[in-house]
Structure formats: structure tokens, C-alpha cells
Amino acid sequence: MTAEEIFCDLYEKYGEDFNWYMIPLTQAGGALVTELKKEIGKEHFLYDKKIWAVAKCESNDDVLYVTGNGKGADIYYIFHLTYSKHNSDGFPRCEKFADVFAVKEFIERTYIENYM
């Protein structure tokens, strides 16, 4: 299953109130990646990796990113962006997911807990 299929399933299940949207492929390496790299800084292990923005939550500043693991598999991260270069310890918050199914479970659970 792809990220697109996951989000289509969630849109169908929760309708127009579902608060995540997919990032167009033409913008996947753009502003949200630049913001992430600004916030995590050059010392972070993801800074020099090729990473793409996949989706963003409209209700908060969570962004889903994907990168490769070097072995042909994708690794997903959700970062809670702060839009600040100087973050206090522990920010931006980050969750790591081994596959897109774990991403779906997390997004659906947090949507139900926080927005329904």
C-alpha cells in the first residue's frame, strides 16, 4: 500500500473533516524540507539525507516526511515543526515509523483522540 492509498482511505472514512492533506510531488522537496533542515540543524542525522515531505496536518504543524533506509525501504517521520531556528531541547518533536501502515495507525489514532 502506498501513502496515497493510505490517505485516500482516511479521506473516505472521515470525509472532509479529516485534517491531513497530501503534499504535491512538485513541492515534496521544497519549503517544508527547507524548514525541517533549518530546525533540526546540521548535526542531525537526517540533515544530509534526501528527504521528501509527504503530507501535512492542517490542525497543527505536523508534517510527514519519507526517506530511504539505504536498503531499498522507506522510513517515515512525523515532525512537529516549530518554525523557529532556535528550538529548546526536544524540539522539533519527531516520531519514526518503519512503514506506511504504522503511519496510518498513528495518524488515525491521533485524529480520533484529538479531533473527533
N, C-alpha and C. Protein backbone atom coordinates (compact mmCIF):
# COMPACT_ATOMS: atom_id res chain seq x y z
N MET A 1 0.85 -1.18 0.00
CA MET A 1 0.00 0.00 0.00
C MET A 1 0.89 1.24 0.00
N THR A 2 0.47 2.25 -0.75
CA THR A 2 1.24 3.49 -0.85
C THR A 2 0.68 4.54 0.11
N ALA A 3 1.44 5.61 0.30
CA ALA A 3 0.96 6.71 1.13
C ALA A 3 -0.31 7.31 0.53
N GLU A 4 -0.36 7.41 -0.78
CA GLU A 4 -1.56 7.94 -1.44
C GLU A 4 -2.78 7.09 -1.12
N GLU A 5 -2.63 5.79 -1.16
CA GLU A 5 -3.75 4.89 -0.85
C GLU A 5 -4.17 5.01 0.62
N ILE A 6 -3.19 5.15 1.50
CA ILE A 6 -3.49 5.32 2.93
C ILE A 6 -4.33 6.58 3.14
N PHE A 7 -3.89 7.69 2.55
CA PHE A 7 -4.63 8.93 2.75
C PHE A 7 -5.98 8.91 2.06
N CYS A 8 -6.09 8.26 0.92
CA CYS A 8 -7.40 8.10 0.26
C CYS A 8 -8.35 7.34 1.18
N ASP A 9 -7.86 6.27 1.80
CA ASP A 9 -8.69 5.51 2.74
C ASP A 9 -9.16 6.39 3.89
N LEU A 10 -8.26 7.19 4.45
CA LEU A 10 -8.62 8.05 5.58
C LEU A 10 -9.59 9.14 5.16
N TYR A 11 -9.39 9.73 3.98
CA TYR A 11 -10.34 10.73 3.47
C TYR A 11 -11.72 10.13 3.30
N GLU A 12 -11.78 8.92 2.74
CA GLU A 12 -13.07 8.26 2.54
C GLU A 12 -13.74 7.93 3.87
N LYS A 13 -12.96 7.52 4.84
CA LYS A 13 -13.51 7.12 6.14
C LYS A 13 -14.00 8.32 6.95
N TYR A 14 -13.24 9.45 6.94
CA TYR A 14 -13.56 10.58 7.82
C TYR A 14 -14.10 11.80 7.08
N GLY A 15 -14.11 11.76 5.77
CA GLY A 15 -14.71 12.85 4.99
C GLY A 15 -13.90 14.12 5.01
N GLU A 16 -14.59 15.20 4.70
CA GLU A 16 -13.92 16.49 4.54
C GLU A 16 -13.38 17.06 5.84
N ASP A 17 -13.76 16.50 6.97
CA ASP A 17 -13.22 16.96 8.25
C ASP A 17 -11.84 16.40 8.55
N PHE A 18 -11.41 15.40 7.79
CA PHE A 18 -10.08 14.83 8.01
C PHE A 18 -9.05 15.92 7.78
N ASN A 19 -8.10 16.07 8.71
CA ASN A 19 -7.25 17.26 8.75
C ASN A 19 -5.84 17.09 8.18
N TRP A 20 -5.58 16.05 7.42
CA TRP A 20 -4.29 15.90 6.75
C TRP A 20 -4.48 16.05 5.26
N TYR A 21 -3.48 16.59 4.58
CA TYR A 21 -3.52 16.66 3.12
C TYR A 21 -2.17 16.26 2.55
N MET A 22 -2.21 15.69 1.38
CA MET A 22 -1.00 15.26 0.69
C MET A 22 -0.28 16.48 0.10
N ILE A 23 1.05 16.43 0.12
CA ILE A 23 1.88 17.46 -0.50
C ILE A 23 2.06 17.07 -1.97
N PRO A 24 1.80 17.97 -2.91
CA PRO A 24 2.02 17.64 -4.32
C PRO A 24 3.50 17.27 -4.57
N LEU A 25 3.72 16.32 -5.45
CA LEU A 25 5.08 15.87 -5.74
C LEU A 25 5.99 17.03 -6.15
N THR A 26 5.44 18.02 -6.81
CA THR A 26 6.25 19.16 -7.25
C THR A 26 6.74 20.00 -6.07
N GLN A 27 6.14 19.82 -4.88
CA GLN A 27 6.54 20.58 -3.70
C GLN A 27 7.19 19.70 -2.63
N ALA A 28 7.32 18.42 -2.91
CA ALA A 28 7.80 17.46 -1.90
C ALA A 28 9.20 17.75 -1.41
N GLY A 29 10.04 18.36 -2.22
CA GLY A 29 11.40 18.68 -1.80
C GLY A 29 11.60 20.14 -1.51
N GLY A 30 10.52 20.89 -1.37
CA GLY A 30 10.58 22.34 -1.27
C GLY A 30 10.59 22.91 0.13
N ALA A 31 9.67 23.83 0.38
CA ALA A 31 9.67 24.66 1.58
C ALA A 31 9.61 23.87 2.89
N LEU A 32 8.82 22.79 2.92
CA LEU A 32 8.71 22.02 4.17
C LEU A 32 9.99 21.26 4.48
N VAL A 33 10.73 20.85 3.47
CA VAL A 33 12.04 20.21 3.69
C VAL A 33 13.05 21.26 4.14
N THR A 34 13.02 22.42 3.52
CA THR A 34 13.92 23.52 3.92
C THR A 34 13.67 23.88 5.39
N GLU A 35 12.40 23.99 5.77
CA GLU A 35 12.06 24.33 7.16
C GLU A 35 12.55 23.24 8.11
N LEU A 36 12.34 21.98 7.75
CA LEU A 36 12.80 20.89 8.61
C LEU A 36 14.30 20.97 8.83
N LYS A 37 15.07 21.15 7.76
CA LYS A 37 16.53 21.18 7.89
C LYS A 37 16.99 22.38 8.70
N LYS A 38 16.29 23.50 8.59
CA LYS A 38 16.61 24.67 9.41
C LYS A 38 16.41 24.35 10.88
N GLU A 39 15.33 23.65 11.19
CA GLU A 39 15.01 23.36 12.58
C GLU A 39 15.87 22.26 13.20
N ILE A 40 16.20 21.24 12.42
CA ILE A 40 16.97 20.14 13.01
C ILE A 40 18.46 20.45 13.06
N GLY A 41 18.95 21.30 12.17
CA GLY A 41 20.35 21.71 12.17
C GLY A 41 21.28 20.67 11.54
N LYS A 42 22.48 21.11 11.27
CA LYS A 42 23.47 20.30 10.55
C LYS A 42 23.95 19.08 11.32
N GLU A 43 23.77 19.08 12.62
CA GLU A 43 24.24 17.95 13.44
C GLU A 43 23.28 16.76 13.43
N HIS A 44 22.05 16.97 12.99
CA HIS A 44 21.03 15.92 13.00
C HIS A 44 21.33 14.88 11.92
N PHE A 45 21.07 13.61 12.20
CA PHE A 45 21.38 12.53 11.26
C PHE A 45 20.60 12.62 9.95
N LEU A 46 19.47 13.31 9.93
CA LEU A 46 18.69 13.44 8.70
C LEU A 46 19.10 14.64 7.84
N TYR A 47 19.93 15.50 8.36
CA TYR A 47 20.22 16.76 7.68
C TYR A 47 20.75 16.56 6.25
N ASP A 48 21.68 15.65 6.05
CA ASP A 48 22.28 15.44 4.74
C ASP A 48 21.57 14.38 3.90
N LYS A 49 20.52 13.78 4.43
CA LYS A 49 19.78 12.76 3.68
C LYS A 49 18.80 13.41 2.71
N LYS A 50 18.52 12.71 1.64
CA LYS A 50 17.46 13.13 0.72
C LYS A 50 16.14 12.77 1.39
N ILE A 51 15.32 13.77 1.61
CA ILE A 51 14.07 13.57 2.33
C ILE A 51 12.98 14.36 1.61
N TRP A 52 11.75 13.83 1.65
CA TRP A 52 10.63 14.45 0.97
C TRP A 52 9.48 14.64 1.95
N ALA A 53 8.77 15.75 1.79
CA ALA A 53 7.53 15.98 2.54
C ALA A 53 6.41 15.23 1.83
N VAL A 54 5.63 14.47 2.58
CA VAL A 54 4.56 13.65 2.01
C VAL A 54 3.19 14.26 2.29
N ALA A 55 2.98 14.70 3.54
CA ALA A 55 1.66 15.21 3.94
C ALA A 55 1.82 16.16 5.11
N LYS A 56 0.80 17.00 5.31
CA LYS A 56 0.80 17.96 6.41
C LYS A 56 -0.56 17.97 7.08
N CYS A 57 -0.54 18.13 8.38
CA CYS A 57 -1.77 18.26 9.16
C CYS A 57 -2.20 19.73 9.17
N GLU A 58 -3.46 19.99 8.84
CA GLU A 58 -3.98 21.35 8.83
C GLU A 58 -4.23 21.89 10.24
N SER A 59 -4.37 21.01 11.22
CA SER A 59 -4.74 21.42 12.57
C SER A 59 -3.54 21.75 13.46
N ASN A 60 -2.37 21.33 13.06
CA ASN A 60 -1.16 21.64 13.82
C ASN A 60 -0.01 21.69 12.83
N ASP A 61 1.18 21.72 13.30
CA ASP A 61 2.34 21.84 12.42
C ASP A 61 3.05 20.51 12.21
N ASP A 62 2.31 19.40 12.25
CA ASP A 62 2.90 18.09 11.97
C ASP A 62 3.04 17.88 10.47
N VAL A 63 4.21 17.36 10.09
CA VAL A 63 4.49 17.07 8.68
C VAL A 63 5.05 15.66 8.60
N LEU A 64 4.53 14.89 7.64
CA LEU A 64 5.03 13.54 7.38
C LEU A 64 6.11 13.63 6.31
N TYR A 65 7.28 13.06 6.62
CA TYR A 65 8.40 13.01 5.70
C TYR A 65 8.77 11.56 5.42
N VAL A 66 9.42 11.32 4.28
CA VAL A 66 9.91 9.99 3.95
C VAL A 66 11.34 10.10 3.44
N THR A 67 12.14 9.10 3.79
CA THR A 67 13.50 8.97 3.28
C THR A 67 13.79 7.49 3.14
N GLY A 68 14.83 7.17 2.41
CA GLY A 68 15.22 5.77 2.26
C GLY A 68 16.10 5.32 3.40
N ASN A 69 16.14 4.01 3.62
CA ASN A 69 16.99 3.47 4.68
C ASN A 69 18.33 2.98 4.14
N GLY A 70 18.57 3.16 2.85
CA GLY A 70 19.81 2.70 2.23
C GLY A 70 19.76 1.25 1.80
N LYS A 71 18.66 0.58 2.08
CA LYS A 71 18.49 -0.83 1.74
C LYS A 71 17.24 -1.05 0.90
N GLY A 72 16.73 0.00 0.29
CA GLY A 72 15.57 -0.13 -0.59
C GLY A 72 14.22 0.03 0.08
N ALA A 73 14.18 0.34 1.36
CA ALA A 73 12.91 0.53 2.07
C ALA A 73 12.78 1.99 2.51
N ASP A 74 11.55 2.42 2.66
CA ASP A 74 11.27 3.77 3.12
C ASP A 74 11.14 3.82 4.63
N ILE A 75 11.57 4.93 5.20
CA ILE A 75 11.37 5.21 6.62
C ILE A 75 10.60 6.52 6.68
N TYR A 76 9.58 6.55 7.51
CA TYR A 76 8.72 7.71 7.64
C TYR A 76 8.96 8.39 8.99
N TYR A 77 8.85 9.71 8.97
CA TYR A 77 8.99 10.52 10.18
C TYR A 77 7.87 11.55 10.19
N ILE A 78 7.29 11.78 11.35
CA ILE A 78 6.41 12.92 11.53
C ILE A 78 7.12 13.88 12.47
N PHE A 79 7.37 15.08 11.97
CA PHE A 79 7.99 16.14 12.76
C PHE A 79 6.93 17.18 13.07
N HIS A 80 6.94 17.65 14.31
CA HIS A 80 6.10 18.78 14.70
C HIS A 80 6.98 20.02 14.55
N LEU A 81 6.80 20.73 13.44
CA LEU A 81 7.62 21.90 13.17
C LEU A 81 7.26 23.05 14.10
N THR A 82 8.27 23.85 14.42
CA THR A 82 8.07 24.99 15.31
C THR A 82 8.20 26.32 14.57
N TYR A 83 8.74 26.29 13.36
CA TYR A 83 9.01 27.48 12.57
C TYR A 83 9.90 28.45 13.33
N SER A 84 10.88 27.87 14.00
CA SER A 84 11.88 28.64 14.73
C SER A 84 13.23 27.97 14.54
N LYS A 85 14.24 28.75 14.30
CA LYS A 85 15.59 28.20 14.10
C LYS A 85 16.20 27.76 15.42
N HIS A 86 15.85 28.46 16.48
CA HIS A 86 16.43 28.16 17.79
C HIS A 86 15.39 27.47 18.66
N ASN A 87 15.43 26.16 18.66
CA ASN A 87 14.45 25.38 19.40
C ASN A 87 15.00 24.96 20.75
N SER A 88 14.11 24.84 21.72
CA SER A 88 14.52 24.29 23.01
C SER A 88 14.75 22.80 22.85
N ASP A 89 15.38 22.20 23.82
CA ASP A 89 15.67 20.77 23.76
C ASP A 89 14.40 19.97 23.54
N GLY A 90 14.51 18.96 22.67
CA GLY A 90 13.38 18.09 22.40
C GLY A 90 12.51 18.56 21.24
N PHE A 91 12.84 19.69 20.64
CA PHE A 91 12.06 20.19 19.50
C PHE A 91 12.97 20.35 18.30
N PRO A 92 12.48 20.15 17.13
CA PRO A 92 11.11 19.73 16.85
C PRO A 92 10.90 18.28 17.26
N ARG A 93 9.71 18.00 17.82
CA ARG A 93 9.37 16.62 18.20
C ARG A 93 9.30 15.75 16.95
N CYS A 94 9.62 14.50 17.13
CA CYS A 94 9.68 13.60 15.98
C CYS A 94 9.21 12.20 16.37
N GLU A 95 8.47 11.58 15.47
CA GLU A 95 8.07 10.16 15.60
C GLU A 95 8.62 9.44 14.38
N LYS A 96 9.17 8.26 14.57
CA LYS A 96 9.71 7.46 13.48
C LYS A 96 8.81 6.25 13.25
N PHE A 97 8.60 5.90 11.96
CA PHE A 97 7.73 4.79 11.60
C PHE A 97 8.45 3.89 10.60
N ALA A 98 8.35 2.61 10.81
CA ALA A 98 9.02 1.63 9.96
C ALA A 98 8.34 1.43 8.62
N ASP A 99 7.03 1.72 8.57
CA ASP A 99 6.32 1.54 7.30
C ASP A 99 5.08 2.42 7.27
N VAL A 100 4.45 2.46 6.11
CA VAL A 100 3.29 3.32 5.90
C VAL A 100 2.08 2.86 6.72
N PHE A 101 2.00 1.59 7.05
CA PHE A 101 0.89 1.09 7.87
C PHE A 101 0.98 1.65 9.29
N ALA A 102 2.19 1.76 9.83
CA ALA A 102 2.38 2.36 11.15
C ALA A 102 2.02 3.84 11.11
N VAL A 103 2.33 4.50 10.00
CA VAL A 103 1.96 5.91 9.83
C VAL A 103 0.44 6.04 9.87
N LYS A 104 -0.25 5.19 9.12
CA LYS A 104 -1.72 5.26 9.08
C LYS A 104 -2.31 5.06 10.47
N GLU A 105 -1.82 4.07 11.18
CA GLU A 105 -2.34 3.79 12.53
C GLU A 105 -2.14 5.00 13.43
N PHE A 106 -0.97 5.61 13.40
CA PHE A 106 -0.67 6.76 14.25
C PHE A 106 -1.55 7.95 13.89
N ILE A 107 -1.64 8.28 12.59
CA ILE A 107 -2.42 9.44 12.17
C ILE A 107 -3.90 9.23 12.50
N GLU A 108 -4.41 8.05 12.24
CA GLU A 108 -5.82 7.78 12.53
C GLU A 108 -6.10 7.85 14.03
N ARG A 109 -5.23 7.25 14.82
CA ARG A 109 -5.42 7.26 16.28
C ARG A 109 -5.37 8.69 16.82
N THR A 110 -4.39 9.48 16.41
CA THR A 110 -4.29 10.85 16.92
C THR A 110 -5.43 11.72 16.41
N TYR A 111 -5.91 11.46 15.21
CA TYR A 111 -7.06 12.20 14.69
C TYR A 111 -8.29 11.92 15.56
N ILE A 112 -8.54 10.65 15.85
CA ILE A 112 -9.69 10.27 16.66
C ILE A 112 -9.58 10.85 18.07
N GLU A 113 -8.40 10.73 18.68
CA GLU A 113 -8.19 11.22 20.05
C GLU A 113 -8.30 12.73 20.17
N ASN A 114 -7.81 13.46 19.17
CA ASN A 114 -7.69 14.91 19.31
C ASN A 114 -8.72 15.74 18.56
N TYR A 115 -9.40 15.15 17.57
CA TYR A 115 -10.24 15.97 16.71
C TYR A 115 -11.65 15.44 16.52
N MET A 116 -11.99 14.31 17.12
CA MET A 116 -13.35 13.80 16.96
C MET A 116 -14.11 13.91 18.26
